[in-house]
Structures are given as structure tokens and as C-alpha cells.
Amino acid sequence: METLFTEMNNCLVVIPRKRLDTNNSPEVAEKITEKIQDGEQKIVFDLGRTDYVSSAGLRVILVTAKLLKQKNGKMALCKANDQILEVLEISGFLSIVKHLGNLEEAVEFVCE
């Protein structure tokens, strides 16, 4: 899998490597959905190793946000490059999901 899943301060950290697109987004979405169904309520997408997010990748982020909202959960994004930040801004995602500069800030925000 091109995406790493790890824990930090009782928060699931999702780290897509290189790309979050049609090739890997179904698998990532399935894994996140399973985690949420198992009780996970705090998720951070660390985009520091991600070069590109397609519409399929954006859909994973959106579905995650919706699932967490239903469970009174919380999520954040961090370390997106300028190109990904621009896509998130233009698509309106930054009004739905908070983006922070580093992983520690994102985890702290989600754990508030």
C-alpha cells in the first residue's frame, strides 16, 4: 500500500505517499471506513509526502469528513504542498476541513 497508517496521541494519522488518486484511493477509503466503524473518531491526513491529490483523493477526504461528522469525530489536514493547497482552496475543502502547518498542530487540533 502506498499509504501509511499510524497512531499519534490516540489519533489515526493517514500518510499518502506520492499520490492519492484513482489507483490507491479505494483501498485508502476502505481502510479509513473500517477504522471509523471500529470507533476511530480522530483522523489527520499528513500530506507532507504527497505530491498529487486527484478528484478521487478529494472524495476520500470528503467521505472521511462526512463519516466523522456522523460520529461526532474530528479531522484535519497538514503539510500539503502549494499545489494541493490550491486545489483544496479552489474546491472549497478548506471551509470543511482545517489545514495546519505540521503534524503536531494537526493532532493537537483534532484532540481538543
PDB file of N, CA and C in Angstrom:
ATOM      1  N   MET A   1       0.840  -1.175   0.000  1.00  0.00           N
ATOM      2  CA  MET A   1       0.000   0.000   0.000  1.00  0.00           C
ATOM      3  C   MET A   1       0.889   1.244   0.000  1.00  0.00           C
ATOM      4  N   GLU A   2       0.510   2.203  -0.768  1.00  0.00           N
ATOM      5  CA  GLU A   2       1.269   3.436  -0.879  1.00  0.00           C
ATOM      6  C   GLU A   2       0.921   4.435   0.211  1.00  0.00           C
ATOM      7  N   THR A   3       0.028   4.061   1.094  1.00  0.00           N
ATOM      8  CA  THR A   3      -0.393   4.948   2.169  1.00  0.00           C
ATOM      9  C   THR A   3      -0.071   4.298   3.506  1.00  0.00           C
ATOM     10  N   LEU A   4       0.570   5.073   4.374  1.00  0.00           N
ATOM     11  CA  LEU A   4       0.891   4.591   5.716  1.00  0.00           C
ATOM     12  C   LEU A   4      -0.226   4.987   6.665  1.00  0.00           C
ATOM     13  N   PHE A   5      -0.502   4.116   7.611  1.00  0.00           N
ATOM     14  CA  PHE A   5      -1.470   4.387   8.672  1.00  0.00           C
ATOM     15  C   PHE A   5      -0.730   4.207   9.986  1.00  0.00           C
ATOM     16  N   THR A   6      -0.773   5.227  10.829  1.00  0.00           N
ATOM     17  CA  THR A   6      -0.094   5.160  12.108  1.00  0.00           C
ATOM     18  C   THR A   6      -0.943   5.865  13.161  1.00  0.00           C
ATOM     19  N   GLU A   7      -0.553   5.737  14.402  1.00  0.00           N
ATOM     20  CA  GLU A   7      -1.274   6.377  15.504  1.00  0.00           C
ATOM     21  C   GLU A   7      -0.362   7.398  16.174  1.00  0.00           C
ATOM     22  N   MET A   8      -0.963   8.502  16.608  1.00  0.00           N
ATOM     23  CA  MET A   8      -0.245   9.511  17.377  1.00  0.00           C
ATOM     24  C   MET A   8      -1.235  10.123  18.354  1.00  0.00           C
ATOM     25  N   ASN A   9      -0.986   9.978  19.644  1.00  0.00           N
ATOM     26  CA  ASN A   9      -1.861  10.532  20.684  1.00  0.00           C
ATOM     27  C   ASN A   9      -3.322  10.116  20.480  1.00  0.00           C
ATOM     28  N   ASN A  10      -3.551   8.831  20.261  1.00  0.00           N
ATOM     29  CA  ASN A  10      -4.908   8.286  20.060  1.00  0.00           C
ATOM     30  C   ASN A  10      -5.610   8.878  18.846  1.00  0.00           C
ATOM     31  N   CYS A  11      -4.843   9.220  17.853  1.00  0.00           N
ATOM     32  CA  CYS A  11      -5.366   9.794  16.612  1.00  0.00           C
ATOM     33  C   CYS A  11      -4.797   8.983  15.447  1.00  0.00           C
ATOM     34  N   LEU A  12      -5.654   8.644  14.488  1.00  0.00           N
ATOM     35  CA  LEU A  12      -5.188   7.942  13.298  1.00  0.00           C
ATOM     36  C   LEU A  12      -4.539   8.945  12.352  1.00  0.00           C
ATOM     37  N   VAL A  13      -3.318   8.683  11.956  1.00  0.00           N
ATOM     38  CA  VAL A  13      -2.611   9.538  11.011  1.00  0.00           C
ATOM     39  C   VAL A  13      -2.501   8.778   9.689  1.00  0.00           C
ATOM     40  N   VAL A  14      -3.055   9.370   8.638  1.00  0.00           N
ATOM     41  CA  VAL A  14      -3.051   8.790   7.302  1.00  0.00           C
ATOM     42  C   VAL A  14      -2.004   9.548   6.484  1.00  0.00           C
ATOM     43  N   ILE A  15      -1.017   8.818   5.958  1.00  0.00           N
ATOM     44  CA  ILE A  15       0.093   9.446   5.237  1.00  0.00           C
ATOM     45  C   ILE A  15       0.169   8.878   3.819  1.00  0.00           C
ATOM     46  N   PRO A  16      -0.518   9.525   2.863  1.00  0.00           N
ATOM     47  CA  PRO A  16      -0.408   9.065   1.467  1.00  0.00           C
ATOM     48  C   PRO A  16       0.992   9.380   0.929  1.00  0.00           C
ATOM     49  N   ARG A  17       1.620   8.393   0.314  1.00  0.00           N
ATOM     50  CA  ARG A  17       2.946   8.616  -0.260  1.00  0.00           C
ATOM     51  C   ARG A  17       2.802   8.841  -1.759  1.00  0.00           C
ATOM     52  N   LYS A  18       3.355   9.921  -2.203  1.00  0.00           N
ATOM     53  CA  LYS A  18       3.385  10.357  -3.606  1.00  0.00           C
ATOM     54  C   LYS A  18       2.040  10.837  -4.109  1.00  0.00           C
ATOM     55  N   ARG A  19       1.043   9.952  -4.207  1.00  0.00           N
ATOM     56  CA  ARG A  19      -0.236  10.328  -4.811  1.00  0.00           C
ATOM     57  C   ARG A  19      -1.414   9.746  -4.028  1.00  0.00           C
ATOM     58  N   LEU A  20      -2.503  10.501  -4.035  1.00  0.00           N
ATOM     59  CA  LEU A  20      -3.781   9.976  -3.554  1.00  0.00           C
ATOM     60  C   LEU A  20      -4.717  10.133  -4.739  1.00  0.00           C
ATOM     61  N   ASP A  21      -4.877   9.038  -5.495  1.00  0.00           N
ATOM     62  CA  ASP A  21      -5.604   9.109  -6.760  1.00  0.00           C
ATOM     63  C   ASP A  21      -6.421   7.839  -6.988  1.00  0.00           C
ATOM     64  N   THR A  22      -6.883   7.654  -8.206  1.00  0.00           N
ATOM     65  CA  THR A  22      -7.754   6.515  -8.512  1.00  0.00           C
ATOM     66  C   THR A  22      -7.072   5.167  -8.282  1.00  0.00           C
ATOM     67  N   ASN A  23      -5.750   5.129  -8.312  1.00  0.00           N
ATOM     68  CA  ASN A  23      -5.045   3.867  -8.109  1.00  0.00           C
ATOM     69  C   ASN A  23      -5.087   3.384  -6.664  1.00  0.00           C
ATOM     70  N   ASN A  24      -5.052   4.304  -5.716  1.00  0.00           N
ATOM     71  CA  ASN A  24      -4.992   3.870  -4.320  1.00  0.00           C
ATOM     72  C   ASN A  24      -6.139   4.368  -3.450  1.00  0.00           C
ATOM     73  N   SER A  25      -6.939   5.294  -3.936  1.00  0.00           N
ATOM     74  CA  SER A  25      -7.990   5.857  -3.085  1.00  0.00           C
ATOM     75  C   SER A  25      -9.051   4.832  -2.644  1.00  0.00           C
ATOM     76  N   PRO A  26      -9.445   3.857  -3.470  1.00  0.00           N
ATOM     77  CA  PRO A  26     -10.435   2.879  -2.971  1.00  0.00           C
ATOM     78  C   PRO A  26      -9.923   2.108  -1.753  1.00  0.00           C
ATOM     79  N   GLU A  27      -8.674   1.704  -1.793  1.00  0.00           N
ATOM     80  CA  GLU A  27      -8.083   0.960  -0.678  1.00  0.00           C
ATOM     81  C   GLU A  27      -7.956   1.843   0.567  1.00  0.00           C
ATOM     82  N   VAL A  28      -7.554   3.093   0.366  1.00  0.00           N
ATOM     83  CA  VAL A  28      -7.426   4.026   1.484  1.00  0.00           C
ATOM     84  C   VAL A  28      -8.801   4.290   2.099  1.00  0.00           C
ATOM     85  N   ALA A  29      -9.796   4.536   1.264  1.00  0.00           N
ATOM     86  CA  ALA A  29     -11.156   4.793   1.750  1.00  0.00           C
ATOM     87  C   ALA A  29     -11.690   3.602   2.537  1.00  0.00           C
ATOM     88  N   GLU A  30     -11.442   2.401   2.043  1.00  0.00           N
ATOM     89  CA  GLU A  30     -11.912   1.189   2.720  1.00  0.00           C
ATOM     90  C   GLU A  30     -11.278   1.059   4.102  1.00  0.00           C
ATOM     91  N   LYS A  31      -9.976   1.285   4.181  1.00  0.00           N
ATOM     92  CA  LYS A  31      -9.256   1.170   5.456  1.00  0.00           C
ATOM     93  C   LYS A  31      -9.753   2.224   6.450  1.00  0.00           C
ATOM     94  N   ILE A  32      -9.950   3.469   5.987  1.00  0.00           N
ATOM     95  CA  ILE A  32     -10.431   4.529   6.871  1.00  0.00           C
ATOM     96  C   ILE A  32     -11.848   4.228   7.340  1.00  0.00           C
ATOM     97  N   THR A  33     -12.700   3.770   6.434  1.00  0.00           N
ATOM     98  CA  THR A  33     -14.083   3.437   6.797  1.00  0.00           C
ATOM     99  C   THR A  33     -14.098   2.350   7.863  1.00  0.00           C
ATOM    100  N   GLU A  34     -13.262   1.327   7.706  1.00  0.00           N
ATOM    101  CA  GLU A  34     -13.162   0.261   8.708  1.00  0.00           C
ATOM    102  C   GLU A  34     -12.749   0.822  10.064  1.00  0.00           C
ATOM    103  N   LYS A  35     -11.762   1.715  10.058  1.00  0.00           N
ATOM    104  CA  LYS A  35     -11.278   2.313  11.309  1.00  0.00           C
ATOM    105  C   LYS A  35     -12.386   3.120  11.985  1.00  0.00           C
ATOM    106  N   ILE A  36     -13.137   3.891  11.207  1.00  0.00           N
ATOM    107  CA  ILE A  36     -14.223   4.687  11.770  1.00  0.00           C
ATOM    108  C   ILE A  36     -15.321   3.774  12.316  1.00  0.00           C
ATOM    109  N   GLN A  37     -15.647   2.713  11.585  1.00  0.00           N
ATOM    110  CA  GLN A  37     -16.653   1.760  12.059  1.00  0.00           C
ATOM    111  C   GLN A  37     -16.196   1.065  13.339  1.00  0.00           C
ATOM    112  N   ASP A  38     -14.882   0.934  13.511  1.00  0.00           N
ATOM    113  CA  ASP A  38     -14.331   0.317  14.722  1.00  0.00           C
ATOM    114  C   ASP A  38     -14.200   1.318  15.873  1.00  0.00           C
ATOM    115  N   GLY A  39     -14.635   2.576  15.643  1.00  0.00           N
ATOM    116  CA  GLY A  39     -14.646   3.554  16.734  1.00  0.00           C
ATOM    117  C   GLY A  39     -13.689   4.712  16.612  1.00  0.00           C
ATOM    118  N   GLU A  40     -12.867   4.728  15.578  1.00  0.00           N
ATOM    119  CA  GLU A  40     -11.935   5.851  15.401  1.00  0.00           C
ATOM    120  C   GLU A  40     -12.721   7.136  15.186  1.00  0.00           C
ATOM    121  N   GLN A  41     -12.361   8.197  15.911  1.00  0.00           N
ATOM    122  CA  GLN A  41     -13.064   9.473  15.784  1.00  0.00           C
ATOM    123  C   GLN A  41     -12.131  10.645  15.518  1.00  0.00           C
ATOM    124  N   LYS A  42     -10.834  10.395  15.464  1.00  0.00           N
ATOM    125  CA  LYS A  42      -9.854  11.466  15.253  1.00  0.00           C
ATOM    126  C   LYS A  42      -8.892  11.039  14.147  1.00  0.00           C
ATOM    127  N   ILE A  43      -8.906  11.792  13.053  1.00  0.00           N
ATOM    128  CA  ILE A  43      -8.064  11.437  11.910  1.00  0.00           C
ATOM    129  C   ILE A  43      -7.350  12.678  11.385  1.00  0.00           C
ATOM    130  N   VAL A  44      -6.065  12.501  11.084  1.00  0.00           N
ATOM    131  CA  VAL A  44      -5.262  13.544  10.454  1.00  0.00           C
ATOM    132  C   VAL A  44      -4.695  12.974   9.162  1.00  0.00           C
ATOM    133  N   PHE A  45      -4.864  13.717   8.072  1.00  0.00           N
ATOM    134  CA  PHE A  45      -4.198  13.389   6.815  1.00  0.00           C
ATOM    135  C   PHE A  45      -2.906  14.197   6.771  1.00  0.00           C
ATOM    136  N   ASP A  46      -1.770  13.521   6.860  1.00  0.00           N
ATOM    137  CA  ASP A  46      -0.458  14.161   6.750  1.00  0.00           C
ATOM    138  C   ASP A  46      -0.059  14.096   5.279  1.00  0.00           C
ATOM    139  N   LEU A  47      -0.122  15.236   4.596  1.00  0.00           N
ATOM    140  CA  LEU A  47       0.131  15.297   3.152  1.00  0.00           C
ATOM    141  C   LEU A  47       1.563  15.709   2.824  1.00  0.00           C
ATOM    142  N   GLY A  48       2.441  15.623   3.804  1.00  0.00           N
ATOM    143  CA  GLY A  48       3.831  16.021   3.611  1.00  0.00           C
ATOM    144  C   GLY A  48       4.598  15.179   2.605  1.00  0.00           C
ATOM    145  N   ARG A  49       4.170  13.948   2.383  1.00  0.00           N
ATOM    146  CA  ARG A  49       4.828  13.060   1.406  1.00  0.00           C
ATOM    147  C   ARG A  49       3.989  12.896   0.142  1.00  0.00           C
ATOM    148  N   THR A  50       2.962  13.725   0.016  1.00  0.00           N
ATOM    149  CA  THR A  50       2.021  13.601  -1.093  1.00  0.00           C
ATOM    150  C   THR A  50       2.286  14.688  -2.121  1.00  0.00           C
ATOM    151  N   ASP A  51       2.488  14.273  -3.375  1.00  0.00           N
ATOM    152  CA  ASP A  51       2.753  15.219  -4.452  1.00  0.00           C
ATOM    153  C   ASP A  51       1.493  15.631  -5.197  1.00  0.00           C
ATOM    154  N   TYR A  52       0.471  14.753  -5.163  1.00  0.00           N
ATOM    155  CA  TYR A  52      -0.704  14.971  -6.004  1.00  0.00           C
ATOM    156  C   TYR A  52      -1.944  14.347  -5.363  1.00  0.00           C
ATOM    157  N   VAL A  53      -3.051  15.079  -5.425  1.00  0.00           N
ATOM    158  CA  VAL A  53      -4.338  14.562  -4.982  1.00  0.00           C
ATOM    159  C   VAL A  53      -5.333  14.760  -6.121  1.00  0.00           C
ATOM    160  N   SER A  54      -5.897  13.673  -6.625  1.00  0.00           N
ATOM    161  CA  SER A  54      -6.879  13.747  -7.708  1.00  0.00           C
ATOM    162  C   SER A  54      -8.269  13.947  -7.131  1.00  0.00           C
ATOM    163  N   SER A  55      -9.265  14.008  -8.010  1.00  0.00           N
ATOM    164  CA  SER A  55     -10.651  14.120  -7.539  1.00  0.00           C
ATOM    165  C   SER A  55     -11.042  12.891  -6.716  1.00  0.00           C
ATOM    166  N   ALA A  56     -10.504  11.736  -7.050  1.00  0.00           N
ATOM    167  CA  ALA A  56     -10.770  10.521  -6.263  1.00  0.00           C
ATOM    168  C   ALA A  56     -10.171  10.664  -4.865  1.00  0.00           C
ATOM    169  N   GLY A  57      -9.018  11.272  -4.772  1.00  0.00           N
ATOM    170  CA  GLY A  57      -8.394  11.531  -3.472  1.00  0.00           C
ATOM    171  C   GLY A  57      -9.186  12.541  -2.666  1.00  0.00           C
ATOM    172  N   LEU A  58      -9.681  13.574  -3.331  1.00  0.00           N
ATOM    173  CA  LEU A  58     -10.524  14.554  -2.652  1.00  0.00           C
ATOM    174  C   LEU A  58     -11.786  13.889  -2.110  1.00  0.00           C
ATOM    175  N   ARG A  59     -12.310  12.949  -2.864  1.00  0.00           N
ATOM    176  CA  ARG A  59     -13.507  12.222  -2.442  1.00  0.00           C
ATOM    177  C   ARG A  59     -13.223  11.433  -1.150  1.00  0.00           C
ATOM    178  N   VAL A  60     -12.042  10.844  -1.036  1.00  0.00           N
ATOM    179  CA  VAL A  60     -11.667  10.124   0.189  1.00  0.00           C
ATOM    180  C   VAL A  60     -11.687  11.084   1.379  1.00  0.00           C
ATOM    181  N   ILE A  61     -11.133  12.269   1.200  1.00  0.00           N
ATOM    182  CA  ILE A  61     -11.105  13.262   2.270  1.00  0.00           C
ATOM    183  C   ILE A  61     -12.529  13.684   2.642  1.00  0.00           C
ATOM    184  N   LEU A  62     -13.358  13.927   1.630  1.00  0.00           N
ATOM    185  CA  LEU A  62     -14.735  14.354   1.868  1.00  0.00           C
ATOM    186  C   LEU A  62     -15.550  13.270   2.569  1.00  0.00           C
ATOM    187  N   VAL A  63     -15.449  12.040   2.105  1.00  0.00           N
ATOM    188  CA  VAL A  63     -16.182  10.925   2.719  1.00  0.00           C
ATOM    189  C   VAL A  63     -15.729  10.742   4.165  1.00  0.00           C
ATOM    190  N   THR A  64     -14.435  10.860   4.406  1.00  0.00           N
ATOM    191  CA  THR A  64     -13.922  10.744   5.769  1.00  0.00           C
ATOM    192  C   THR A  64     -14.519  11.824   6.657  1.00  0.00           C
ATOM    193  N   ALA A  65     -14.548  13.057   6.164  1.00  0.00           N
ATOM    194  CA  ALA A  65     -15.123  14.170   6.934  1.00  0.00           C
ATOM    195  C   ALA A  65     -16.600  13.916   7.248  1.00  0.00           C
ATOM    196  N   LYS A  66     -17.340  13.423   6.268  1.00  0.00           N
ATOM    197  CA  LYS A  66     -18.774  13.153   6.485  1.00  0.00           C
ATOM    198  C   LYS A  66     -18.991  12.024   7.488  1.00  0.00           C
ATOM    199  N   LEU A  67     -18.221  10.951   7.363  1.00  0.00           N
ATOM    200  CA  LEU A  67     -18.355   9.831   8.301  1.00  0.00           C
ATOM    201  C   LEU A  67     -18.019  10.261   9.724  1.00  0.00           C
ATOM    202  N   LEU A  68     -16.967  11.058   9.861  1.00  0.00           N
ATOM    203  CA  LEU A  68     -16.581  11.520  11.194  1.00  0.00           C
ATOM    204  C   LEU A  68     -17.616  12.468  11.776  1.00  0.00           C
ATOM    205  N   LYS A  69     -18.214  13.289  10.943  1.00  0.00           N
ATOM    206  CA  LYS A  69     -19.246  14.208  11.428  1.00  0.00           C
ATOM    207  C   LYS A  69     -20.423  13.423  12.012  1.00  0.00           C
ATOM    208  N   GLN A  70     -20.794  12.330  11.354  1.00  0.00           N
ATOM    209  CA  GLN A  70     -21.884  11.485  11.845  1.00  0.00           C
ATOM    210  C   GLN A  70     -21.561  10.870  13.198  1.00  0.00           C
ATOM    211  N   LYS A  71     -20.276  10.659  13.480  1.00  0.00           N
ATOM    212  CA  LYS A  71     -19.842  10.027  14.726  1.00  0.00           C
ATOM    213  C   LYS A  71     -19.331  11.053  15.741  1.00  0.00           C
ATOM    214  N   ASN A  72     -19.588  12.350  15.458  1.00  0.00           N
ATOM    215  CA  ASN A  72     -19.078  13.438  16.302  1.00  0.00           C
ATOM    216  C   ASN A  72     -17.556  13.412  16.397  1.00  0.00           C
ATOM    217  N   GLY A  73     -16.920  13.005  15.304  1.00  0.00           N
ATOM    218  CA  GLY A  73     -15.470  12.956  15.246  1.00  0.00           C
ATOM    219  C   GLY A  73     -14.892  14.244  14.695  1.00  0.00           C
ATOM    220  N   LYS A  74     -13.584  14.231  14.500  1.00  0.00           N
ATOM    221  CA  LYS A  74     -12.897  15.438  14.042  1.00  0.00           C
ATOM    222  C   LYS A  74     -11.710  15.027  13.180  1.00  0.00           C
ATOM    223  N   MET A  75     -11.422  15.843  12.171  1.00  0.00           N
ATOM    224  CA  MET A  75     -10.259  15.568  11.334  1.00  0.00           C
ATOM    225  C   MET A  75      -9.571  16.851  10.932  1.00  0.00           C
ATOM    226  N   ALA A  76      -8.345  16.708  10.462  1.00  0.00           N
ATOM    227  CA  ALA A  76      -7.570  17.840   9.972  1.00  0.00           C
ATOM    228  C   ALA A  76      -6.617  17.342   8.900  1.00  0.00           C
ATOM    229  N   LEU A  77      -6.106  18.285   8.138  1.00  0.00           N
ATOM    230  CA  LEU A  77      -5.073  18.031   7.138  1.00  0.00           C
ATOM    231  C   LEU A  77      -3.831  18.792   7.573  1.00  0.00           C
ATOM    232  N   CYS A  78      -2.667  18.321   7.154  1.00  0.00           N
ATOM    233  CA  CYS A  78      -1.452  19.077   7.441  1.00  0.00           C
ATOM    234  C   CYS A  78      -0.409  18.859   6.350  1.00  0.00           C
ATOM    235  N   LYS A  79       0.489  19.814   6.259  1.00  0.00           N
ATOM    236  CA  LYS A  79       1.690  19.790   5.415  1.00  0.00           C
ATOM    237  C   LYS A  79       1.431  19.625   3.918  1.00  0.00           C
ATOM    238  N   ALA A  80       0.291  20.079   3.424  1.00  0.00           N
ATOM    239  CA  ALA A  80       0.034  19.991   1.982  1.00  0.00           C
ATOM    240  C   ALA A  80       0.954  20.954   1.240  1.00  0.00           C
ATOM    241  N   ASN A  81       1.432  20.533   0.074  1.00  0.00           N
ATOM    242  CA  ASN A  81       2.256  21.427  -0.733  1.00  0.00           C
ATOM    243  C   ASN A  81       1.378  22.516  -1.360  1.00  0.00           C
ATOM    244  N   ASP A  82       2.005  23.496  -2.002  1.00  0.00           N
ATOM    245  CA  ASP A  82       1.260  24.638  -2.547  1.00  0.00           C
ATOM    246  C   ASP A  82       0.215  24.225  -3.581  1.00  0.00           C
ATOM    247  N   GLN A  83       0.554  23.257  -4.429  1.00  0.00           N
ATOM    248  CA  GLN A  83      -0.382  22.808  -5.467  1.00  0.00           C
ATOM    249  C   GLN A  83      -1.618  22.149  -4.833  1.00  0.00           C
ATOM    250  N   ILE A  84      -1.404  21.287  -3.867  1.00  0.00           N
ATOM    251  CA  ILE A  84      -2.530  20.620  -3.202  1.00  0.00           C
ATOM    252  C   ILE A  84      -3.353  21.630  -2.418  1.00  0.00           C
ATOM    253  N   LEU A  85      -2.684  22.567  -1.754  1.00  0.00           N
ATOM    254  CA  LEU A  85      -3.408  23.610  -1.017  1.00  0.00           C
ATOM    255  C   LEU A  85      -4.297  24.424  -1.945  1.00  0.00           C
ATOM    256  N   GLU A  86      -3.784  24.728  -3.122  1.00  0.00           N
ATOM    257  CA  GLU A  86      -4.572  25.485  -4.094  1.00  0.00           C
ATOM    258  C   GLU A  86      -5.814  24.691  -4.513  1.00  0.00           C
ATOM    259  N   VAL A  87      -5.663  23.405  -4.778  1.00  0.00           N
ATOM    260  CA  VAL A  87      -6.796  22.555  -5.153  1.00  0.00           C
ATOM    261  C   VAL A  87      -7.808  22.500  -4.003  1.00  0.00           C
ATOM    262  N   LEU A  88      -7.321  22.353  -2.787  1.00  0.00           N
ATOM    263  CA  LEU A  88      -8.213  22.308  -1.620  1.00  0.00           C
ATOM    264  C   LEU A  88      -8.971  23.622  -1.450  1.00  0.00           C
ATOM    265  N   GLU A  89      -8.276  24.716  -1.697  1.00  0.00           N
ATOM    266  CA  GLU A  89      -8.915  26.029  -1.560  1.00  0.00           C
ATOM    267  C   GLU A  89      -9.953  26.264  -2.654  1.00  0.00           C
ATOM    268  N   ILE A  90      -9.578  26.008  -3.896  1.00  0.00           N
ATOM    269  CA  ILE A  90     -10.489  26.232  -5.024  1.00  0.00           C
ATOM    270  C   ILE A  90     -11.725  25.348  -4.913  1.00  0.00           C
ATOM    271  N   SER A  91     -11.552  24.114  -4.456  1.00  0.00           N
ATOM    272  CA  SER A  91     -12.669  23.174  -4.353  1.00  0.00           C
ATOM    273  C   SER A  91     -13.528  23.407  -3.108  1.00  0.00           C
ATOM    274  N   GLY A  92     -13.109  24.308  -2.239  1.00  0.00           N
ATOM    275  CA  GLY A  92     -13.890  24.608  -1.043  1.00  0.00           C
ATOM    276  C   GLY A  92     -13.630  23.697   0.137  1.00  0.00           C
ATOM    277  N   PHE A  93     -12.671  22.808   0.019  1.00  0.00           N
ATOM    278  CA  PHE A  93     -12.398  21.849   1.094  1.00  0.00           C
ATOM    279  C   PHE A  93     -11.886  22.523   2.357  1.00  0.00           C
ATOM    280  N   LEU A  94     -11.199  23.650   2.209  1.00  0.00           N
ATOM    281  CA  LEU A  94     -10.647  24.306   3.387  1.00  0.00           C
ATOM    282  C   LEU A  94     -11.725  24.955   4.249  1.00  0.00           C
ATOM    283  N   SER A  95     -12.943  25.056   3.719  1.00  0.00           N
ATOM    284  CA  SER A  95     -14.053  25.525   4.550  1.00  0.00           C
ATOM    285  C   SER A  95     -14.686  24.357   5.307  1.00  0.00           C
ATOM    286  N   ILE A  96     -14.351  23.143   4.902  1.00  0.00           N
ATOM    287  CA  ILE A  96     -14.888  21.933   5.530  1.00  0.00           C
ATOM    288  C   ILE A  96     -13.880  21.326   6.504  1.00  0.00           C
ATOM    289  N   VAL A  97     -12.608  21.322   6.094  1.00  0.00           N
ATOM    290  CA  VAL A  97     -11.557  20.664   6.856  1.00  0.00           C
ATOM    291  C   VAL A  97     -10.426  21.653   7.114  1.00  0.00           C
ATOM    292  N   LYS A  98      -9.949  21.688   8.330  1.00  0.00           N
ATOM    293  CA  LYS A  98      -8.861  22.582   8.719  1.00  0.00           C
ATOM    294  C   LYS A  98      -7.526  22.032   8.221  1.00  0.00           C
ATOM    295  N   HIS A  99      -6.675  22.942   7.700  1.00  0.00           N
ATOM    296  CA  HIS A  99      -5.315  22.583   7.305  1.00  0.00           C
ATOM    297  C   HIS A  99      -4.346  23.294   8.231  1.00  0.00           C
ATOM    298  N   LEU A 100      -3.400  22.532   8.765  1.00  0.00           N
ATOM    299  CA  LEU A 100      -2.404  23.099   9.672  1.00  0.00           C
ATOM    300  C   LEU A 100      -1.005  22.836   9.128  1.00  0.00           C
ATOM    301  N   GLY A 101      -0.041  23.596   9.622  1.00  0.00           N
ATOM    302  CA  GLY A 101       1.312  23.554   9.073  1.00  0.00           C
ATOM    303  C   GLY A 101       2.107  22.308   9.375  1.00  0.00           C
ATOM    304  N   ASN A 102       1.857  21.672  10.537  1.00  0.00           N
ATOM    305  CA  ASN A 102       2.630  20.476  10.853  1.00  0.00           C
ATOM    306  C   ASN A 102       1.767  19.440  11.567  1.00  0.00           C
ATOM    307  N   LEU A 103       2.302  18.264  11.684  1.00  0.00           N
ATOM    308  CA  LEU A 103       1.554  17.129  12.236  1.00  0.00           C
ATOM    309  C   LEU A 103       1.181  17.354  13.697  1.00  0.00           C
ATOM    310  N   GLU A 104       2.096  17.888  14.478  1.00  0.00           N
ATOM    311  CA  GLU A 104       1.818  18.106  15.885  1.00  0.00           C
ATOM    312  C   GLU A 104       0.636  19.039  16.084  1.00  0.00           C
ATOM    313  N   GLU A 105       0.599  20.142  15.318  1.00  0.00           N
ATOM    314  CA  GLU A 105      -0.526  21.088  15.410  1.00  0.00           C
ATOM    315  C   GLU A 105      -1.833  20.423  15.000  1.00  0.00           C
ATOM    316  N   ALA A 106      -1.782  19.621  13.955  1.00  0.00           N
ATOM    317  CA  ALA A 106      -2.988  18.949  13.463  1.00  0.00           C
ATOM    318  C   ALA A 106      -3.518  17.963  14.488  1.00  0.00           C
ATOM    319  N   VAL A 107      -2.641  17.176  15.078  1.00  0.00           N
ATOM    320  CA  VAL A 107      -3.059  16.213  16.097  1.00  0.00           C
ATOM    321  C   VAL A 107      -3.623  16.957  17.310  1.00  0.00           C
ATOM    322  N   GLU A 108      -2.970  18.023  17.711  1.00  0.00           N
ATOM    323  CA  GLU A 108      -3.466  18.811  18.850  1.00  0.00           C
ATOM    324  C   GLU A 108      -4.860  19.378  18.548  1.00  0.00           C
ATOM    325  N   PHE A 109      -5.055  19.881  17.328  1.00  0.00           N
ATOM    326  CA  PHE A 109      -6.357  20.426  16.933  1.00  0.00           C
ATOM    327  C   PHE A 109      -7.440  19.356  16.989  1.00  0.00           C
ATOM    328  N   VAL A 110      -7.145  18.187  16.468  1.00  0.00           N
ATOM    329  CA  VAL A 110      -8.115  17.098  16.415  1.00  0.00           C
ATOM    330  C   VAL A 110      -8.413  16.564  17.822  1.00  0.00           C
ATOM    331  N   CYS A 111      -7.441  16.628  18.706  1.00  0.00           N
ATOM    332  CA  CYS A 111      -7.622  16.089  20.057  1.00  0.00           C
ATOM    333  C   CYS A 111      -8.204  17.096  21.039  1.00  0.00           C
ATOM    334  N   GLU A 112      -8.507  18.296  20.615  1.00  0.00           N
ATOM    335  CA  GLU A 112      -9.088  19.302  21.517  1.00  0.00           C
ATOM    336  C   GLU A 112     -10.345  18.806  22.150  1.00  0.00           C
TER     337      GLU A 112
END
